[in-house]
């Protein structure tokens, strides 16, 4: 006699299964609604009135810092630092509860220097990389000479490995000012930098060696980003004002954004895939100040974000990013009289610019060089150096949000 097998489900057990499925579908519906609400909140984060938070990350820093978010959603900062009379390149990474600080490279005895012009980016595998400048003293033919090197340090998963991109025997031939690091669609690093008196250069790692090309024979303050189409694009101040260079095959195509520029610019691509550049413009009273230029229909449309007044003037290098709502955010410094300065944020709400002064600097406005990024919560975060009698050379962090930070 064949085994009849287990009895089939009763009507009562079938009803229980259907009830369970209905409950699961209701839960999924609730989760979907919550996700839609969260997406709407992030997309409209301009309307959220969240407080600004300020924190000291390191009490012994140098002049430069660069901020980026890792794949884990937590911030990381590369910066120059002072220790025992020497300068060093440091890396601070937030773990979710504390900052872990590592020393990546250290200069020799003064006048050797390390860590200026720092730029931080994460590669396609989520590992951090830092480009920076290092000045070293070497003995050549019985005479001590200084050399300046542009270097790239990469974390391989267990240790930092540093390599030289280019070296100048005369330190005046290589700027120790800001460089700009980004990773191309092929996953290889690229760096935009300046040669004093010789203009803007672009270095790209190909098959283990660096290819260096001339972008423009004049200019300073290069900022590098890759377009959505994968083209390297550089904003900078050149002869004749603010400029944008894009590599089209093997040729750099240069366009003039504005005939006036008195600061290193900041470049970012909007959700529409078009470039935007923030810079400080010189001009007549009421016409100069922080300016944002966006590319529409083959033309540059410019808007004055914050102008010079009797109470202060925008200075230094602004830092531009786009929020979760697709609108631009600019962090910048502004003089505030008596040799003091403030860290400011400008956020476009779709109709007008909303300006906020966040932190007053000290006698020296080190906040003029800083780095901003938008976190996973859609809110801006900025690293900067504050130097005053009250806060001597501290690496500081300003961010807007109710939580720290969203994963």
Protein backbone atom coordinates (compact mmCIF):
# COMPACT_ATOMS: atom_id res chain seq x y z
CA UNK A 1 0.00 0.00 0.00
CA UNK A 2 1.44 3.37 -1.04
CA UNK A 3 2.28 5.95 1.58
CA UNK A 4 -0.44 8.62 1.39
CA UNK A 5 2.02 11.33 2.52
CA UNK A 6 1.29 14.18 4.89
CA UNK A 7 -2.25 15.49 5.03
CA UNK A 8 -3.05 18.55 2.91
CA UNK A 9 -3.60 21.96 4.50
CA UNK A 10 -6.93 22.56 6.11
CA UNK A 11 -9.01 25.62 5.33
CA UNK A 12 -7.97 27.04 8.72
CA UNK A 13 -4.23 26.59 8.01
CA UNK A 14 -4.64 28.16 4.54
CA UNK A 15 -6.32 31.17 6.11
CA UNK A 16 -3.42 31.51 8.55
CA UNK A 17 -0.94 31.50 5.62
CA UNK A 18 -2.98 34.12 3.76
CA UNK A 19 -3.19 36.28 6.90
CA UNK A 20 0.59 36.05 7.31
CA UNK A 21 1.14 37.07 3.67
CA UNK A 22 -1.27 40.01 4.11
CA UNK A 23 0.65 41.12 7.23
CA UNK A 24 3.98 40.90 5.43
CA UNK A 25 2.61 42.90 2.51
CA UNK A 26 1.34 45.53 4.94
CA UNK A 27 4.80 45.73 6.54
CA UNK A 28 6.40 46.08 3.11
CA UNK A 29 3.95 48.86 2.33
CA UNK A 30 4.88 50.65 5.54
CA UNK A 31 8.60 50.30 4.78
CA UNK A 32 8.03 51.59 1.25
CA UNK A 33 6.16 54.59 2.62
CA UNK A 34 8.94 55.26 5.14
CA UNK A 35 11.57 55.06 2.40
CA UNK A 36 9.54 57.42 0.22
CA UNK A 37 9.25 59.85 3.14
CA UNK A 38 12.99 59.63 3.80
CA UNK A 39 13.75 60.20 0.12
CA UNK A 40 11.44 63.20 0.09
CA UNK A 41 13.12 64.55 3.23
CA UNK A 42 16.59 64.23 1.69
CA UNK A 43 15.42 65.68 -1.61
CA UNK A 44 14.02 68.68 0.24
CA UNK A 45 16.78 68.99 2.84
CA UNK A 46 16.99 72.73 2.20
CA UNK A 47 13.74 73.16 4.08
CA UNK A 48 14.97 71.31 7.17
CA UNK A 49 16.08 73.67 9.92
CA UNK A 50 19.00 71.73 11.36
CA UNK A 51 21.64 73.18 13.66
CA UNK A 52 25.28 73.67 12.70
CA UNK A 53 27.70 71.54 14.69
CA UNK A 54 31.38 72.38 15.27
CA UNK A 55 34.09 70.02 16.46
CA UNK A 56 37.89 69.95 16.79
CA UNK A 57 39.39 66.85 15.18
CA UNK A 58 43.09 67.57 15.86
CA UNK A 59 44.63 70.34 17.98
CA UNK A 60 47.89 70.35 16.01
CA UNK A 61 47.35 70.94 12.32
CA UNK A 62 48.93 72.77 9.43
CA UNK A 63 47.43 74.87 6.67
CA UNK A 64 45.60 72.48 4.33
CA UNK A 65 42.80 69.93 4.71
CA UNK A 66 40.70 67.82 2.34
CA UNK A 67 37.44 66.08 3.26
CA UNK A 68 35.69 63.13 1.58
CA UNK A 69 33.12 60.48 2.52
CA UNK A 70 33.99 56.80 2.32
CA UNK A 71 31.75 54.00 1.09
CA UNK A 72 30.72 53.42 4.73
CA UNK A 73 29.15 56.88 4.81
CA UNK A 74 31.64 58.22 7.34
CA UNK A 75 33.90 61.24 6.76
CA UNK A 76 37.67 61.19 6.38
CA UNK A 77 40.12 64.10 6.32
CA UNK A 78 43.66 64.37 4.95
CA UNK A 79 45.60 67.34 6.30
CA UNK A 80 48.98 68.84 7.00
CA UNK A 81 50.09 68.89 10.63
CA UNK A 82 52.83 70.11 12.95
CA UNK A 83 54.63 67.82 15.37
CA UNK A 84 57.91 68.42 17.23
CA UNK A 85 58.86 71.28 14.93
CA UNK A 86 58.28 69.26 11.77
CA UNK A 87 55.43 69.03 9.31
CA UNK A 88 53.64 65.83 8.40
CA UNK A 89 50.80 64.45 6.31
CA UNK A 90 48.02 63.01 8.47
CA UNK A 91 44.80 61.11 7.81
CA UNK A 92 41.81 61.12 10.17
CA UNK A 93 38.90 58.74 9.67
CA UNK A 94 35.66 58.62 11.65
CA UNK A 95 34.63 55.12 12.75
CA UNK A 96 31.11 55.94 13.87
CA UNK A 97 32.16 56.70 17.44
CA UNK A 98 35.67 58.22 17.32
CA UNK A 99 38.40 59.58 15.07
CA UNK A 100 41.38 57.38 14.21
CA UNK A 101 44.38 59.52 13.20
CA UNK A 102 47.38 58.17 11.28
CA UNK A 103 50.62 59.81 10.17
CA UNK A 104 51.19 59.02 6.49
CA UNK A 105 54.46 60.85 5.73
CA UNK A 106 56.82 63.14 7.67
CA UNK A 107 59.23 65.86 6.60
CA UNK A 108 62.87 66.00 7.63
CA UNK A 109 64.33 68.85 9.64
CA UNK A 110 63.19 72.37 8.67
CA UNK A 111 63.08 73.81 6.05
CA UNK A 112 61.78 70.44 4.82
CA UNK A 113 57.98 70.33 4.58
CA UNK A 114 55.32 67.69 4.02
CA UNK A 115 51.57 67.75 3.46
CA UNK A 116 50.89 71.05 1.73
CA UNK A 117 48.40 71.19 -1.16
CA UNK A 118 46.68 68.03 0.09
CA UNK A 119 43.77 66.43 -1.80
CA UNK A 120 41.85 63.31 -0.68
CA UNK A 121 39.77 60.95 -2.82
CA UNK A 122 38.52 57.36 -2.54
CA UNK A 123 39.25 54.93 -5.37
CA UNK A 124 36.70 52.62 -6.98
CA UNK A 125 37.45 49.96 -4.35
CA UNK A 126 36.68 52.37 -1.53
CA UNK A 127 40.32 52.82 -0.48
CA UNK A 128 41.63 56.32 0.33
CA UNK A 129 44.32 58.09 -1.68
CA UNK A 130 46.03 61.42 -1.01
CA UNK A 131 48.10 63.67 -3.25
CA UNK A 132 50.37 66.17 -1.51
CA UNK A 133 53.60 68.15 -1.80
CA UNK A 134 56.86 67.34 -0.06
CA UNK A 135 60.00 69.49 0.14
CA UNK A 136 63.24 67.63 0.90
CA UNK A 137 66.87 68.66 1.33
CA UNK A 138 69.41 66.48 -0.48
CA UNK A 139 73.18 66.59 -0.89
CA UNK A 140 74.16 67.20 -4.55
CA UNK A 141 77.86 67.56 -5.42
CA UNK A 142 78.76 68.54 -1.89
CA UNK A 143 75.99 71.16 -1.73
CA UNK A 144 72.66 70.82 0.01
CA UNK A 145 69.76 71.53 -2.32
CA UNK A 146 66.01 71.56 -1.83
CA UNK A 147 63.72 69.55 -4.09
CA UNK A 148 59.95 69.69 -4.29
CA UNK A 149 57.92 66.58 -5.12
CA UNK A 150 54.27 66.01 -5.90
CA UNK A 151 53.44 62.66 -4.32
CA UNK A 152 50.54 60.22 -4.15
CA UNK A 153 49.92 58.03 -1.11
CA UNK A 154 47.46 55.12 -1.44
CA UNK A 155 46.12 52.73 1.17
CA UNK A 156 46.40 49.15 -0.11
CA UNK A 157 44.20 47.62 2.58
CA UNK A 158 46.91 47.15 5.19
CA UNK A 159 49.43 50.00 4.75
CA UNK A 160 49.99 53.34 3.06
CA UNK A 161 52.31 53.31 0.05
CA UNK A 162 53.66 56.63 -1.24
CA UNK A 163 55.06 57.26 -4.74
CA UNK A 164 56.42 60.33 -6.53
CA UNK A 165 54.44 61.83 -9.41
CA UNK A 166 56.91 64.55 -10.41
CA UNK A 167 59.97 66.20 -8.82
CA UNK A 168 61.48 69.65 -9.38
CA UNK A 169 65.13 70.22 -8.44
CA UNK A 170 64.28 73.87 -7.90
CA UNK A 171 61.42 74.00 -5.36
CA UNK A 172 60.21 77.23 -7.01
CA UNK A 173 59.43 75.20 -10.15
CA UNK A 174 56.67 73.23 -8.41
CA UNK A 175 53.91 74.91 -6.44
CA UNK A 176 53.22 73.76 -2.90
CA UNK A 177 49.70 75.13 -3.28
CA UNK A 178 46.53 73.06 -3.68
CA UNK A 179 46.60 70.12 -6.07
CA UNK A 180 43.47 68.18 -7.06
CA UNK A 181 43.08 64.38 -7.09
CA UNK A 182 40.30 62.40 -8.75
CA UNK A 183 39.80 58.89 -10.12
CA UNK A 184 38.82 58.39 -13.74
CA UNK A 185 36.32 55.91 -15.17
CA UNK A 186 39.18 53.40 -15.59
CA UNK A 187 39.84 53.52 -11.85
CA UNK A 188 43.25 55.15 -12.22
CA UNK A 189 44.21 58.36 -10.37
CA UNK A 190 44.58 61.74 -12.05
CA UNK A 191 45.99 64.97 -10.60
CA UNK A 192 45.75 68.61 -11.68
CA UNK A 193 48.49 70.89 -10.37
CA UNK A 194 50.35 74.13 -11.08
CA UNK A 195 53.89 74.93 -12.14
CA UNK A 196 54.79 78.50 -11.09
CA UNK A 197 55.14 80.67 -14.17
CA UNK A 198 54.36 77.71 -16.44
CA UNK A 199 50.66 77.11 -15.85
CA UNK A 200 48.39 74.12 -15.30
CA UNK A 201 49.43 70.49 -15.71
CA UNK A 202 47.47 67.23 -15.74
CA UNK A 203 49.01 63.95 -14.58
CA UNK A 204 47.34 60.58 -15.29
CA UNK A 205 48.57 57.17 -14.20
CA UNK A 206 48.74 54.80 -17.17
CA UNK A 207 50.19 51.27 -16.95
CA UNK A 208 52.18 52.15 -13.84
CA UNK A 209 53.73 55.40 -15.11
CA UNK A 210 52.58 59.00 -15.03
CA UNK A 211 51.69 60.80 -18.26
CA UNK A 212 51.87 64.57 -17.78
CA UNK A 213 50.28 66.98 -20.24
CA UNK A 214 50.14 70.78 -20.51
CA UNK A 215 46.64 72.15 -19.98
CA UNK A 216 47.44 75.88 -20.14
CA UNK A 217 50.75 77.73 -20.12
CA UNK A 218 49.43 80.12 -17.46
CA UNK A 219 47.10 79.84 -14.50
CA UNK A 220 46.79 78.70 -10.90
CA UNK A 221 44.34 77.05 -8.51
CA UNK A 222 43.41 73.96 -10.54
CA UNK A 223 40.31 71.98 -9.47
CA UNK A 224 39.73 68.60 -11.17
CA UNK A 225 36.57 66.56 -11.72
CA UNK A 226 35.46 63.97 -14.28
CA UNK A 227 32.32 64.70 -16.27
CA UNK A 228 29.49 62.12 -16.37
CA UNK A 229 30.84 61.21 -19.81
CA UNK A 230 34.25 60.46 -18.27
CA UNK A 231 36.15 63.51 -19.55
CA UNK A 232 38.68 65.10 -17.16
CA UNK A 233 37.69 68.72 -16.55
CA UNK A 234 39.71 71.41 -14.80
CA UNK A 235 38.58 74.81 -13.50
CA UNK A 236 41.29 77.36 -12.77
CA UNK A 237 42.22 81.04 -12.84
CA UNK A 238 44.22 81.77 -15.98
CA UNK A 239 45.23 84.72 -18.12
CA UNK A 240 42.00 86.57 -18.75
CA UNK A 241 39.97 85.27 -15.80
CA UNK A 242 38.20 82.11 -14.68
CA UNK A 243 38.54 79.23 -17.14
CA UNK A 244 37.40 75.67 -17.75
CA UNK A 245 39.46 73.09 -19.64
CA UNK A 246 38.10 69.73 -20.82
CA UNK A 247 40.11 66.97 -22.46
CA UNK A 248 38.49 66.06 -25.76
CA UNK A 249 40.42 63.05 -26.98
CA UNK A 250 44.03 64.29 -26.93
CA UNK A 251 43.28 68.04 -26.97
CA UNK A 252 42.41 70.36 -24.10
CA UNK A 253 39.48 72.59 -25.03
CA UNK A 254 39.48 75.80 -22.98
CA UNK A 255 36.59 78.19 -22.45
CA UNK A 256 36.55 81.45 -20.51
CA UNK A 257 33.94 81.55 -17.77
CA UNK A 258 34.48 85.09 -16.55
CA UNK A 259 36.99 87.82 -17.36
CA UNK A 260 37.62 88.37 -13.66
CA UNK A 261 38.86 85.88 -11.07
CA UNK A 262 40.84 86.48 -7.88
CA UNK A 263 40.65 83.08 -6.19
CA UNK A 264 41.26 79.44 -6.95
CA UNK A 265 37.86 78.14 -8.16
CA UNK A 266 35.87 75.04 -7.22
CA UNK A 267 34.28 72.74 -9.82
CA UNK A 268 31.38 70.29 -9.54
CA UNK A 269 28.93 68.66 -11.95
CA UNK A 270 25.21 69.01 -11.31
CA UNK A 271 22.57 66.32 -11.58
CA UNK A 272 22.00 67.59 -15.13
CA UNK A 273 25.56 66.56 -15.98
CA UNK A 274 26.64 70.14 -16.64
CA UNK A 275 29.58 71.88 -14.94
CA UNK A 276 29.30 74.57 -12.28
CA UNK A 277 32.17 76.69 -10.98
CA UNK A 278 32.35 78.82 -7.82
CA UNK A 279 34.97 81.56 -7.62
CA UNK A 280 35.65 85.04 -6.22
CA UNK A 281 35.13 87.78 -8.80
CA UNK A 282 36.72 91.22 -8.83
CA UNK A 283 34.68 94.15 -10.05
CA UNK A 284 32.95 97.38 -9.18
CA UNK A 285 31.30 97.71 -5.75
CA UNK A 286 28.19 95.59 -5.70
CA UNK A 287 29.41 93.50 -8.64
CA UNK A 288 32.31 91.63 -7.04
CA UNK A 289 32.30 88.76 -4.58
CA UNK A 290 31.42 85.07 -4.50
CA UNK A 291 30.03 84.03 -7.89
CA UNK A 292 28.57 80.80 -9.27
CA UNK A 293 28.71 80.09 -13.00
CA UNK A 294 26.70 77.26 -14.58
CA UNK A 295 26.83 76.01 -18.14
CA UNK A 296 23.47 76.12 -19.95
CA UNK A 297 22.88 75.97 -23.69
CA UNK A 298 26.54 76.41 -24.47
CA UNK A 299 26.75 79.64 -22.43
CA UNK A 300 27.87 80.46 -18.91
CA UNK A 301 25.13 81.86 -16.70
CA UNK A 302 26.56 83.67 -13.67
CA UNK A 303 24.93 84.66 -10.40
CA UNK A 304 26.41 86.78 -7.61
CA UNK A 305 26.07 84.75 -4.42
CA UNK A 306 27.57 87.09 -1.81
CA UNK A 307 29.05 90.49 -2.51
CA UNK A 308 31.60 92.70 -0.79
CA UNK A 309 30.09 95.13 1.73
CA UNK A 310 31.37 97.36 4.51
CA UNK A 311 30.96 94.42 6.88
CA UNK A 312 33.16 92.00 4.95
CA UNK A 313 34.38 90.51 1.70
CA UNK A 314 34.41 86.90 0.38
CA UNK A 315 37.99 85.66 0.16
CA UNK A 316 40.05 82.51 -0.46
CA UNK A 317 39.03 79.39 -2.33
CA UNK A 318 35.34 78.46 -2.17
CA UNK A 319 34.24 74.82 -2.04
CA UNK A 320 31.26 73.75 -4.18
CA UNK A 321 29.00 70.69 -4.00
CA UNK A 322 25.43 69.74 -4.91
CA UNK A 323 22.89 68.69 -2.29
CA UNK A 324 20.44 65.80 -2.45
CA UNK A 325 17.89 68.16 -3.97
CA UNK A 326 20.24 68.91 -6.86
CA UNK A 327 20.80 72.50 -5.76
CA UNK A 328 24.31 73.99 -5.26
CA UNK A 329 25.95 74.61 -1.88
CA UNK A 330 29.08 76.74 -1.47
CA UNK A 331 31.34 76.99 1.57
CA UNK A 332 33.57 80.05 1.66
CA UNK A 333 35.41 82.48 3.91
CA UNK A 334 34.54 86.11 4.49
CA UNK A 335 36.48 88.83 6.24
CA UNK A 336 34.70 90.26 9.24
CA UNK A 337 36.86 93.24 10.22
CA UNK A 338 39.77 93.59 12.66
CA UNK A 339 41.69 90.91 10.77
CA UNK A 340 39.10 88.29 11.62
CA UNK A 341 37.11 86.05 9.35
CA UNK A 342 34.13 83.71 9.29
CA UNK A 343 33.27 80.39 7.68
CA UNK A 344 30.14 80.82 5.60
CA UNK A 345 27.72 78.64 3.65
CA UNK A 346 25.50 79.65 0.75
CA UNK A 347 22.70 77.32 -0.27
CA UNK A 348 20.37 77.81 -3.23
CA UNK A 349 16.76 76.88 -2.48
CA UNK A 350 15.63 76.92 -6.10
CA UNK A 351 14.70 80.60 -5.98
CA UNK A 352 17.30 82.49 -3.94
CA UNK A 353 20.60 82.04 -2.10
CA UNK A 354 20.38 81.49 1.68
CA UNK A 355 23.52 82.72 3.46
CA UNK A 356 24.74 81.55 6.86
CA UNK A 357 27.80 82.53 8.90
CA UNK A 358 28.91 79.49 10.88
CA UNK A 359 32.21 80.13 12.68
CA UNK A 360 34.43 83.12 13.33
CA UNK A 361 38.11 82.60 12.69
CA UNK A 362 40.98 84.23 14.53
CA UNK A 363 43.62 86.79 13.68
CA UNK A 364 44.68 84.69 10.69
CA UNK A 365 41.88 83.52 8.42
CA UNK A 366 42.96 79.95 7.78
CA UNK A 367 39.34 79.09 6.99
CA UNK A 368 40.09 80.57 3.56
CA UNK A 369 41.42 77.12 2.59
CA UNK A 370 38.96 74.34 3.35
CA UNK A 371 37.07 71.42 1.86
CA UNK A 372 33.34 70.63 1.77
CA UNK A 373 31.38 67.52 0.81
CA UNK A 374 27.73 66.48 1.09
CA UNK A 375 27.13 63.45 3.30
CA UNK A 376 24.73 60.53 2.82
CA UNK A 377 22.13 62.50 4.79
CA UNK A 378 22.16 65.21 2.13
CA UNK A 379 23.73 67.76 4.47
CA UNK A 380 27.05 69.63 3.97
CA UNK A 381 30.19 69.02 6.01
CA UNK A 382 33.35 71.14 5.87
CA UNK A 383 36.89 70.77 7.20
CA UNK A 384 39.00 73.86 7.83
CA UNK A 385 41.94 75.17 9.85
CA UNK A 386 41.33 77.70 12.60
CA UNK A 387 44.30 79.69 13.86
CA UNK A 388 44.01 82.33 16.55
CA UNK A 389 45.20 83.11 20.06
CA UNK A 390 42.27 81.05 21.32
CA UNK A 391 42.48 78.24 18.75
CA UNK A 392 46.07 77.84 17.46
CA UNK A 393 46.17 75.69 14.32
CA UNK A 394 43.30 73.33 14.99
CA UNK A 395 41.71 71.05 12.42
CA UNK A 396 38.03 71.88 12.73
CA UNK A 397 34.87 70.35 11.32
CA UNK A 398 31.53 72.04 10.68
CA UNK A 399 28.47 70.08 9.63
CA UNK A 400 24.72 70.53 9.52
CA UNK A 401 22.58 67.69 10.72
CA UNK A 402 20.68 66.19 13.59
CA UNK A 403 22.70 62.99 13.58
CA UNK A 404 26.37 62.11 13.05
CA UNK A 405 26.49 61.01 10.26
CA UNK A 406 24.01 58.77 8.39
CA UNK A 407 25.38 55.43 7.22
